[in-house]
Amino acid sequence: LTGAVAADPCSPGTVQPQVSQGSCDKCEAGSFQEQPGETACERCPAGAYCAEGASAALPCLEGSYSSATGLSSSGQCTACPEGSFCSTSSLTPTECSPGTVQPLAEQGTCDKCDAGKFMNESGKTACFECVAGSYCAVGSGAPLPCTAGRFQNKALKVQTSASDCVVC
């Protein structure tokens, strides 16, 4: 600055790579600088985005992900697909595990299968109905067979626990 007694360091989000300059330059979109007085901006990391003049990388929101670096807006993060979930700052989607499903895109969690249903595979969008002769608790990854001397007729009621199996 004209008439300045001492040089002021550039603020976070700005840099000046040359000496004897009167101003600082904003970091370009897709980059950031956390520290004051720096000469270069850092590329925005994977799982995050950086707007112009960013002093910190902002995470891709829950329900989205990105393995790319240098993103400049949240809209560049990719929507999480059905059958998966993406937590904040995800680099890739994570498939729902057995016993859980996700029928919607852009979600941060998977839903447990309801009682009377199960899912024995990963990355699915809907649970299967429990089968006769078995029971399925909340979040079941497989139908569990009734114990010896007991049965379950699927048509009679939803089987959610071993006590739902009837004595022969």
N, C-alpha and C. Protein backbone atom coordinates (compact mmCIF):
# COMPACT_ATOMS: atom_id res chain seq x y z
N LEU A 1 0.83 -1.19 0.00
CA LEU A 1 0.00 0.00 0.00
C LEU A 1 0.87 1.25 0.00
N THR A 2 0.41 2.27 -0.66
CA THR A 2 1.13 3.54 -0.71
C THR A 2 1.18 4.15 0.68
N GLY A 3 2.37 4.56 1.10
CA GLY A 3 2.53 5.19 2.39
C GLY A 3 2.60 4.22 3.56
N ALA A 4 2.60 2.92 3.31
CA ALA A 4 2.66 1.94 4.39
C ALA A 4 4.04 1.94 5.01
N VAL A 5 4.13 1.83 6.33
CA VAL A 5 5.38 1.79 7.05
C VAL A 5 5.95 0.37 7.03
N ALA A 6 5.06 -0.63 7.11
CA ALA A 6 5.49 -2.03 7.11
C ALA A 6 4.57 -2.82 6.20
N ALA A 7 5.09 -3.90 5.67
CA ALA A 7 4.30 -4.75 4.78
C ALA A 7 3.30 -5.56 5.61
N ASP A 8 2.06 -5.65 5.11
CA ASP A 8 1.04 -6.48 5.74
C ASP A 8 1.01 -7.81 5.01
N PRO A 9 0.97 -8.90 5.75
CA PRO A 9 0.88 -10.21 5.06
C PRO A 9 -0.48 -10.38 4.40
N CYS A 10 -0.50 -11.13 3.32
CA CYS A 10 -1.77 -11.45 2.66
C CYS A 10 -2.64 -12.25 3.62
N SER A 11 -3.93 -12.00 3.58
CA SER A 11 -4.89 -12.72 4.43
C SER A 11 -5.09 -14.14 3.91
N PRO A 12 -5.57 -15.05 4.77
CA PRO A 12 -5.94 -16.38 4.27
C PRO A 12 -6.92 -16.24 3.11
N GLY A 13 -6.76 -17.10 2.11
CA GLY A 13 -7.59 -17.03 0.91
C GLY A 13 -6.98 -16.16 -0.18
N THR A 14 -5.89 -15.47 0.17
CA THR A 14 -5.18 -14.64 -0.81
C THR A 14 -3.69 -14.93 -0.74
N VAL A 15 -2.98 -14.62 -1.82
CA VAL A 15 -1.53 -14.84 -1.90
C VAL A 15 -0.89 -13.72 -2.72
N GLN A 16 0.43 -13.62 -2.62
CA GLN A 16 1.18 -12.72 -3.49
C GLN A 16 2.54 -13.36 -3.75
N PRO A 17 2.72 -13.89 -4.97
CA PRO A 17 3.96 -14.57 -5.29
C PRO A 17 5.12 -13.62 -5.60
N GLN A 18 4.87 -12.34 -5.79
CA GLN A 18 5.92 -11.38 -6.13
C GLN A 18 6.18 -10.42 -4.97
N VAL A 19 7.39 -9.89 -4.92
CA VAL A 19 7.74 -8.92 -3.88
C VAL A 19 7.32 -7.52 -4.31
N SER A 20 7.23 -6.64 -3.36
CA SER A 20 6.94 -5.22 -3.59
C SER A 20 5.62 -4.99 -4.35
N GLN A 21 4.60 -5.68 -3.95
CA GLN A 21 3.30 -5.51 -4.58
C GLN A 21 2.36 -4.81 -3.60
N GLY A 22 1.39 -4.08 -4.14
CA GLY A 22 0.48 -3.31 -3.31
C GLY A 22 -0.79 -4.04 -2.93
N SER A 23 -0.99 -5.25 -3.46
CA SER A 23 -2.22 -5.99 -3.14
C SER A 23 -1.95 -7.49 -3.21
N CYS A 24 -2.92 -8.23 -2.74
CA CYS A 24 -2.85 -9.69 -2.77
C CYS A 24 -3.86 -10.22 -3.77
N ASP A 25 -3.62 -11.39 -4.32
CA ASP A 25 -4.52 -12.02 -5.28
C ASP A 25 -5.35 -13.08 -4.57
N LYS A 26 -6.66 -13.12 -4.90
CA LYS A 26 -7.53 -14.18 -4.36
C LYS A 26 -7.10 -15.52 -4.95
N CYS A 27 -7.22 -16.57 -4.15
CA CYS A 27 -6.99 -17.91 -4.68
C CYS A 27 -8.06 -18.19 -5.73
N GLU A 28 -7.67 -18.81 -6.82
CA GLU A 28 -8.63 -19.16 -7.87
C GLU A 28 -9.60 -20.21 -7.35
N ALA A 29 -10.79 -20.26 -7.94
CA ALA A 29 -11.75 -21.31 -7.59
C ALA A 29 -11.07 -22.66 -7.83
N GLY A 30 -11.27 -23.60 -6.90
CA GLY A 30 -10.62 -24.91 -6.98
C GLY A 30 -9.33 -24.97 -6.19
N SER A 31 -8.99 -23.85 -5.52
CA SER A 31 -7.80 -23.82 -4.67
C SER A 31 -8.10 -23.00 -3.42
N PHE A 32 -7.21 -23.07 -2.44
CA PHE A 32 -7.41 -22.35 -1.17
C PHE A 32 -6.06 -22.08 -0.52
N GLN A 33 -6.06 -21.22 0.48
CA GLN A 33 -4.88 -20.98 1.30
C GLN A 33 -5.34 -20.66 2.71
N GLU A 34 -4.94 -21.51 3.67
CA GLU A 34 -5.36 -21.35 5.08
C GLU A 34 -4.51 -20.33 5.83
N GLN A 35 -3.25 -20.20 5.43
CA GLN A 35 -2.30 -19.40 6.20
C GLN A 35 -2.16 -17.99 5.64
N PRO A 36 -1.89 -17.01 6.50
CA PRO A 36 -1.61 -15.66 6.01
C PRO A 36 -0.18 -15.56 5.48
N GLY A 37 0.05 -14.62 4.58
CA GLY A 37 1.40 -14.34 4.11
C GLY A 37 2.00 -15.37 3.17
N GLU A 38 1.20 -16.15 2.51
CA GLU A 38 1.72 -17.20 1.63
C GLU A 38 1.86 -16.71 0.19
N THR A 39 2.65 -17.45 -0.58
CA THR A 39 2.91 -17.06 -1.97
C THR A 39 2.18 -17.91 -2.99
N ALA A 40 1.55 -19.00 -2.56
CA ALA A 40 0.84 -19.88 -3.50
C ALA A 40 -0.38 -20.50 -2.82
N CYS A 41 -1.39 -20.78 -3.64
CA CYS A 41 -2.60 -21.45 -3.15
C CYS A 41 -2.42 -22.96 -3.31
N GLU A 42 -3.14 -23.73 -2.51
CA GLU A 42 -3.11 -25.19 -2.58
C GLU A 42 -4.33 -25.67 -3.35
N ARG A 43 -4.17 -26.75 -4.11
CA ARG A 43 -5.28 -27.34 -4.86
C ARG A 43 -6.28 -27.93 -3.87
N CYS A 44 -7.55 -27.73 -4.13
CA CYS A 44 -8.60 -28.26 -3.26
C CYS A 44 -8.53 -29.79 -3.27
N PRO A 45 -8.58 -30.45 -2.11
CA PRO A 45 -8.43 -31.91 -2.06
C PRO A 45 -9.69 -32.66 -2.48
N ALA A 46 -9.53 -33.94 -2.75
CA ALA A 46 -10.67 -34.81 -3.07
C ALA A 46 -11.65 -34.81 -1.90
N GLY A 47 -12.95 -34.90 -2.22
CA GLY A 47 -13.98 -34.90 -1.19
C GLY A 47 -14.36 -33.51 -0.72
N ALA A 48 -13.84 -32.48 -1.40
CA ALA A 48 -14.09 -31.10 -0.99
C ALA A 48 -14.16 -30.19 -2.21
N TYR A 49 -14.58 -28.94 -1.98
CA TYR A 49 -14.60 -27.92 -3.03
C TYR A 49 -14.13 -26.60 -2.44
N CYS A 50 -13.65 -25.70 -3.31
CA CYS A 50 -13.12 -24.42 -2.87
C CYS A 50 -13.58 -23.33 -3.84
N ALA A 51 -14.34 -22.37 -3.36
CA ALA A 51 -14.76 -21.23 -4.16
C ALA A 51 -13.59 -20.25 -4.29
N GLU A 52 -13.71 -19.27 -5.16
CA GLU A 52 -12.68 -18.25 -5.32
C GLU A 52 -12.43 -17.56 -3.98
N GLY A 53 -11.17 -17.37 -3.64
CA GLY A 53 -10.79 -16.70 -2.40
C GLY A 53 -10.97 -17.55 -1.16
N ALA A 54 -11.04 -18.86 -1.31
CA ALA A 54 -11.28 -19.76 -0.17
C ALA A 54 -10.07 -19.80 0.77
N SER A 55 -10.38 -19.73 2.06
CA SER A 55 -9.34 -19.87 3.08
C SER A 55 -9.35 -21.28 3.67
N ALA A 56 -10.30 -22.10 3.23
CA ALA A 56 -10.38 -23.50 3.68
C ALA A 56 -11.19 -24.29 2.65
N ALA A 57 -10.88 -25.57 2.55
CA ALA A 57 -11.66 -26.45 1.69
C ALA A 57 -12.96 -26.80 2.41
N LEU A 58 -14.07 -26.76 1.69
CA LEU A 58 -15.36 -27.13 2.26
C LEU A 58 -15.72 -28.54 1.81
N PRO A 59 -16.23 -29.39 2.70
CA PRO A 59 -16.50 -30.78 2.35
C PRO A 59 -17.69 -30.95 1.41
N CYS A 60 -17.59 -31.95 0.51
CA CYS A 60 -18.78 -32.36 -0.24
C CYS A 60 -19.81 -32.74 0.81
N LEU A 61 -21.04 -32.35 0.59
CA LEU A 61 -22.09 -32.55 1.57
C LEU A 61 -22.50 -34.02 1.69
N GLU A 62 -23.07 -34.37 2.81
CA GLU A 62 -23.62 -35.70 3.01
C GLU A 62 -24.57 -36.00 1.85
N GLY A 63 -24.46 -37.20 1.28
CA GLY A 63 -25.29 -37.57 0.14
C GLY A 63 -24.60 -37.32 -1.19
N SER A 64 -23.36 -36.81 -1.14
CA SER A 64 -22.58 -36.60 -2.35
C SER A 64 -21.14 -37.02 -2.09
N TYR A 65 -20.35 -37.11 -3.18
CA TYR A 65 -18.95 -37.53 -3.05
C TYR A 65 -18.14 -36.98 -4.21
N SER A 66 -16.81 -37.06 -4.09
CA SER A 66 -15.93 -36.75 -5.21
C SER A 66 -14.53 -37.27 -4.91
N SER A 67 -13.96 -37.95 -5.89
CA SER A 67 -12.56 -38.38 -5.80
C SER A 67 -11.67 -37.41 -6.57
N ALA A 68 -12.28 -36.43 -7.26
CA ALA A 68 -11.52 -35.44 -8.03
C ALA A 68 -11.00 -34.34 -7.10
N THR A 69 -9.88 -33.74 -7.49
CA THR A 69 -9.36 -32.58 -6.77
C THR A 69 -9.67 -31.32 -7.57
N GLY A 70 -9.60 -30.17 -6.93
CA GLY A 70 -9.77 -28.90 -7.62
C GLY A 70 -11.20 -28.50 -7.93
N LEU A 71 -12.17 -29.06 -7.21
CA LEU A 71 -13.57 -28.67 -7.45
C LEU A 71 -13.79 -27.25 -6.96
N SER A 72 -14.65 -26.50 -7.66
CA SER A 72 -14.87 -25.10 -7.31
C SER A 72 -16.25 -24.83 -6.68
N SER A 73 -17.16 -25.82 -6.70
CA SER A 73 -18.47 -25.63 -6.08
C SER A 73 -19.05 -26.96 -5.61
N SER A 74 -20.02 -26.88 -4.70
CA SER A 74 -20.65 -28.11 -4.19
C SER A 74 -21.40 -28.84 -5.30
N GLY A 75 -21.85 -28.11 -6.32
CA GLY A 75 -22.55 -28.72 -7.44
C GLY A 75 -21.67 -29.64 -8.26
N GLN A 76 -20.36 -29.56 -8.10
CA GLN A 76 -19.44 -30.45 -8.81
C GLN A 76 -19.25 -31.77 -8.09
N CYS A 77 -19.69 -31.87 -6.84
CA CYS A 77 -19.67 -33.15 -6.13
C CYS A 77 -20.74 -34.03 -6.78
N THR A 78 -20.52 -35.33 -6.83
CA THR A 78 -21.42 -36.26 -7.51
C THR A 78 -22.46 -36.79 -6.52
N ALA A 79 -23.70 -36.89 -6.97
CA ALA A 79 -24.79 -37.42 -6.14
C ALA A 79 -24.53 -38.89 -5.84
N CYS A 80 -24.72 -39.27 -4.60
CA CYS A 80 -24.57 -40.66 -4.18
C CYS A 80 -25.67 -41.50 -4.84
N PRO A 81 -25.34 -42.68 -5.41
CA PRO A 81 -26.35 -43.48 -6.09
C PRO A 81 -27.24 -44.28 -5.13
N GLU A 82 -28.36 -44.75 -5.66
CA GLU A 82 -29.25 -45.64 -4.90
C GLU A 82 -28.45 -46.88 -4.48
N GLY A 83 -28.84 -47.47 -3.36
CA GLY A 83 -28.16 -48.68 -2.87
C GLY A 83 -26.86 -48.38 -2.14
N SER A 84 -26.55 -47.09 -1.97
CA SER A 84 -25.30 -46.66 -1.33
C SER A 84 -25.57 -45.48 -0.41
N PHE A 85 -24.54 -45.13 0.38
CA PHE A 85 -24.61 -43.91 1.18
C PHE A 85 -23.28 -43.17 1.05
N CYS A 86 -23.33 -41.87 1.28
CA CYS A 86 -22.13 -41.04 1.23
C CYS A 86 -22.17 -40.09 2.43
N SER A 87 -21.22 -40.24 3.33
CA SER A 87 -21.13 -39.32 4.45
C SER A 87 -20.41 -38.06 4.00
N THR A 88 -20.36 -37.03 4.82
CA THR A 88 -19.70 -35.78 4.51
C THR A 88 -18.24 -36.06 4.14
N SER A 89 -17.75 -35.43 3.08
CA SER A 89 -16.37 -35.56 2.58
C SER A 89 -16.06 -36.90 1.94
N SER A 90 -17.07 -37.67 1.54
CA SER A 90 -16.82 -38.98 0.94
C SER A 90 -16.05 -38.85 -0.37
N LEU A 91 -15.12 -39.79 -0.56
CA LEU A 91 -14.38 -39.87 -1.81
C LEU A 91 -15.08 -40.78 -2.80
N THR A 92 -15.79 -41.79 -2.28
CA THR A 92 -16.55 -42.74 -3.10
C THR A 92 -17.81 -43.14 -2.34
N PRO A 93 -18.83 -43.63 -3.04
CA PRO A 93 -20.02 -44.13 -2.35
C PRO A 93 -19.69 -45.44 -1.63
N THR A 94 -20.40 -45.71 -0.55
CA THR A 94 -20.26 -46.98 0.17
C THR A 94 -21.57 -47.75 0.00
N GLU A 95 -21.46 -48.98 -0.51
CA GLU A 95 -22.67 -49.80 -0.69
C GLU A 95 -23.32 -50.10 0.65
N CYS A 96 -24.64 -50.14 0.66
CA CYS A 96 -25.37 -50.56 1.86
C CYS A 96 -24.99 -52.01 2.15
N SER A 97 -24.80 -52.33 3.41
CA SER A 97 -24.41 -53.69 3.80
C SER A 97 -25.65 -54.58 3.91
N PRO A 98 -25.46 -55.91 3.94
CA PRO A 98 -26.60 -56.80 4.13
C PRO A 98 -27.40 -56.38 5.37
N GLY A 99 -28.72 -56.47 5.26
CA GLY A 99 -29.60 -56.05 6.35
C GLY A 99 -30.03 -54.60 6.22
N THR A 100 -29.43 -53.87 5.26
CA THR A 100 -29.78 -52.48 5.02
C THR A 100 -29.98 -52.23 3.53
N VAL A 101 -30.72 -51.17 3.20
CA VAL A 101 -30.98 -50.77 1.81
C VAL A 101 -31.08 -49.26 1.72
N GLN A 102 -30.99 -48.74 0.50
CA GLN A 102 -31.24 -47.32 0.28
C GLN A 102 -31.90 -47.16 -1.09
N PRO A 103 -33.23 -46.93 -1.10
CA PRO A 103 -33.95 -46.80 -2.37
C PRO A 103 -33.77 -45.43 -3.04
N LEU A 104 -33.21 -44.46 -2.34
CA LEU A 104 -33.09 -43.10 -2.87
C LEU A 104 -31.63 -42.74 -3.14
N ALA A 105 -31.42 -41.86 -4.10
CA ALA A 105 -30.10 -41.30 -4.36
C ALA A 105 -29.85 -40.15 -3.39
N GLU A 106 -28.61 -39.70 -3.30
CA GLU A 106 -28.21 -38.55 -2.48
C GLU A 106 -28.50 -38.72 -1.00
N GLN A 107 -28.18 -39.88 -0.45
CA GLN A 107 -28.45 -40.14 0.97
C GLN A 107 -27.14 -40.35 1.74
N GLY A 108 -27.19 -40.01 3.03
CA GLY A 108 -26.02 -40.14 3.89
C GLY A 108 -26.01 -41.39 4.74
N THR A 109 -27.08 -42.17 4.70
CA THR A 109 -27.16 -43.41 5.48
C THR A 109 -27.99 -44.44 4.72
N CYS A 110 -27.90 -45.67 5.16
CA CYS A 110 -28.76 -46.74 4.64
C CYS A 110 -29.82 -47.03 5.70
N ASP A 111 -30.96 -47.56 5.28
CA ASP A 111 -32.05 -47.89 6.18
C ASP A 111 -32.03 -49.37 6.51
N LYS A 112 -32.25 -49.71 7.78
CA LYS A 112 -32.35 -51.12 8.17
C LYS A 112 -33.63 -51.72 7.59
N CYS A 113 -33.56 -52.99 7.22
CA CYS A 113 -34.77 -53.68 6.78
C CYS A 113 -35.75 -53.72 7.94
N ASP A 114 -37.03 -53.55 7.64
CA ASP A 114 -38.07 -53.62 8.67
C ASP A 114 -38.17 -55.05 9.20
N ALA A 115 -38.76 -55.19 10.39
CA ALA A 115 -39.03 -56.52 10.93
C ALA A 115 -39.91 -57.27 9.94
N GLY A 116 -39.63 -58.55 9.74
CA GLY A 116 -40.38 -59.36 8.79
C GLY A 116 -39.80 -59.31 7.39
N LYS A 117 -38.66 -58.62 7.24
CA LYS A 117 -37.98 -58.54 5.95
C LYS A 117 -36.49 -58.75 6.16
N PHE A 118 -35.77 -59.01 5.05
CA PHE A 118 -34.32 -59.20 5.12
C PHE A 118 -33.67 -58.78 3.81
N MET A 119 -32.36 -58.58 3.85
CA MET A 119 -31.57 -58.35 2.64
C MET A 119 -30.23 -59.03 2.86
N ASN A 120 -29.91 -59.99 2.00
CA ASN A 120 -28.68 -60.77 2.15
C ASN A 120 -27.57 -60.34 1.19
N GLU A 121 -27.74 -59.22 0.50
CA GLU A 121 -26.74 -58.72 -0.44
C GLU A 121 -26.41 -57.26 -0.12
N SER A 122 -25.28 -56.81 -0.64
CA SER A 122 -24.87 -55.42 -0.48
C SER A 122 -25.35 -54.57 -1.65
N GLY A 123 -25.55 -53.28 -1.39
CA GLY A 123 -25.84 -52.32 -2.45
C GLY A 123 -27.23 -52.41 -3.04
N LYS A 124 -28.20 -52.83 -2.27
CA LYS A 124 -29.56 -53.01 -2.80
C LYS A 124 -30.50 -51.88 -2.36
N THR A 125 -31.65 -51.83 -3.03
CA THR A 125 -32.60 -50.74 -2.79
C THR A 125 -33.89 -51.18 -2.09
N ALA A 126 -34.12 -52.48 -1.95
CA ALA A 126 -35.34 -52.97 -1.29
C ALA A 126 -35.05 -54.28 -0.57
N CYS A 127 -35.78 -54.52 0.51
CA CYS A 127 -35.64 -55.76 1.29
C CYS A 127 -36.60 -56.82 0.76
N PHE A 128 -36.26 -58.08 1.00
CA PHE A 128 -37.12 -59.21 0.64
C PHE A 128 -38.04 -59.54 1.82
N GLU A 129 -39.21 -60.11 1.52
CA GLU A 129 -40.12 -60.59 2.56
C GLU A 129 -39.49 -61.83 3.20
N CYS A 130 -39.65 -61.97 4.50
CA CYS A 130 -39.15 -63.15 5.20
C CYS A 130 -39.90 -64.38 4.68
N VAL A 131 -39.24 -65.52 4.68
CA VAL A 131 -39.83 -66.74 4.10
C VAL A 131 -40.49 -67.59 5.19
N ALA A 132 -41.47 -68.39 4.76
CA ALA A 132 -42.17 -69.29 5.70
C ALA A 132 -41.16 -70.21 6.35
N GLY A 133 -41.39 -70.52 7.62
CA GLY A 133 -40.48 -71.39 8.37
C GLY A 133 -39.31 -70.64 8.98
N SER A 134 -39.32 -69.30 8.85
CA SER A 134 -38.22 -68.47 9.34
C SER A 134 -38.78 -67.22 10.01
N TYR A 135 -37.88 -66.46 10.63
CA TYR A 135 -38.24 -65.16 11.18
C TYR A 135 -37.14 -64.16 10.83
N CYS A 136 -37.50 -62.88 10.79
CA CYS A 136 -36.56 -61.81 10.42
C CYS A 136 -36.75 -60.62 11.35
N ALA A 137 -35.76 -60.34 12.16
CA ALA A 137 -35.79 -59.17 13.05
C ALA A 137 -35.42 -57.92 12.24
N VAL A 138 -35.54 -56.76 12.84
CA VAL A 138 -35.13 -55.51 12.20
C VAL A 138 -33.66 -55.61 11.79
N GLY A 139 -33.35 -55.25 10.54
CA GLY A 139 -31.97 -55.26 10.06
C GLY A 139 -31.43 -56.64 9.73
N SER A 140 -32.31 -57.60 9.47
CA SER A 140 -31.85 -58.96 9.18
C SER A 140 -31.10 -59.04 7.86
N GLY A 141 -29.98 -59.76 7.88
CA GLY A 141 -29.21 -60.03 6.68
C GLY A 141 -29.59 -61.36 6.07
N ALA A 142 -30.41 -62.13 6.76
CA ALA A 142 -30.87 -63.43 6.27
C ALA A 142 -32.03 -63.88 7.14
N PRO A 143 -32.95 -64.68 6.56
CA PRO A 143 -34.01 -65.23 7.40
C PRO A 143 -33.40 -66.29 8.32
N LEU A 144 -33.83 -66.30 9.57
CA LEU A 144 -33.34 -67.30 10.53
C LEU A 144 -34.40 -68.38 10.68
N PRO A 145 -34.00 -69.65 10.57
CA PRO A 145 -34.99 -70.73 10.63
C PRO A 145 -35.56 -70.90 12.04
N CYS A 146 -36.82 -71.29 12.06
CA CYS A 146 -37.44 -71.64 13.35
C CYS A 146 -36.70 -72.85 13.90
N THR A 147 -36.62 -72.95 15.22
CA THR A 147 -35.92 -74.07 15.84
C THR A 147 -36.73 -75.35 15.69
N ALA A 148 -36.08 -76.47 15.92
CA ALA A 148 -36.74 -77.78 15.80
C ALA A 148 -37.98 -77.81 16.68
N GLY A 149 -39.06 -78.35 16.16
CA GLY A 149 -40.31 -78.45 16.90
C GLY A 149 -41.17 -77.20 16.79
N ARG A 150 -40.76 -76.24 15.97
CA ARG A 150 -41.52 -75.01 15.77
C ARG A 150 -41.69 -74.75 14.27
N PHE A 151 -42.71 -73.97 13.91
CA PHE A 151 -42.92 -73.63 12.51
C PHE A 151 -43.46 -72.21 12.40
N GLN A 152 -43.47 -71.71 11.19
CA GLN A 152 -44.04 -70.39 10.94
C GLN A 152 -44.67 -70.42 9.56
N ASN A 153 -45.95 -70.11 9.53
CA ASN A 153 -46.66 -70.03 8.28
C ASN A 153 -46.72 -68.56 7.92
N LYS A 154 -46.00 -68.18 6.89
CA LYS A 154 -45.89 -66.77 6.49
C LYS A 154 -47.25 -66.09 6.39
N ALA A 155 -48.26 -66.80 5.97
CA ALA A 155 -49.58 -66.20 5.78
C ALA A 155 -50.24 -65.82 7.10
N LEU A 156 -49.81 -66.42 8.21
CA LEU A 156 -50.46 -66.16 9.49
C LEU A 156 -50.08 -64.81 10.09
N LYS A 157 -48.80 -64.48 10.09
CA LYS A 157 -48.36 -63.20 10.65
C LYS A 157 -46.93 -62.89 10.24
N VAL A 158 -46.54 -61.65 10.41
CA VAL A 158 -45.15 -61.26 10.12
C VAL A 158 -44.26 -61.85 11.20
N GLN A 159 -43.25 -62.54 10.76
CA GLN A 159 -42.36 -63.20 11.71
C GLN A 159 -41.15 -62.32 12.00
N THR A 160 -41.08 -61.81 13.24
CA THR A 160 -40.03 -60.86 13.59
C THR A 160 -39.03 -61.38 14.61
N SER A 161 -39.38 -62.46 15.32
CA SER A 161 -38.47 -63.01 16.32
C SER A 161 -38.72 -64.51 16.45
N ALA A 162 -37.81 -65.20 17.16
CA ALA A 162 -37.94 -66.65 17.34
C ALA A 162 -39.24 -66.99 18.04
N SER A 163 -39.77 -66.11 18.88
CA SER A 163 -41.03 -66.39 19.60
C SER A 163 -42.22 -66.39 18.66
N ASP A 164 -42.05 -65.85 17.44
CA ASP A 164 -43.14 -65.88 16.45
C ASP A 164 -43.27 -67.25 15.81
N CYS A 165 -42.29 -68.11 15.98
CA CYS A 165 -42.39 -69.47 15.49
C CYS A 165 -43.28 -70.26 16.45
N VAL A 166 -44.27 -70.95 15.93
CA VAL A 166 -45.28 -71.63 16.73
C VAL A 166 -44.84 -73.07 17.02
N VAL A 167 -45.14 -73.55 18.24
CA VAL A 167 -44.82 -74.93 18.61
C VAL A 167 -45.69 -75.87 17.80
N CYS A 168 -45.07 -76.92 17.27
CA CYS A 168 -45.82 -77.90 16.45
C CYS A 168 -46.79 -78.68 17.33
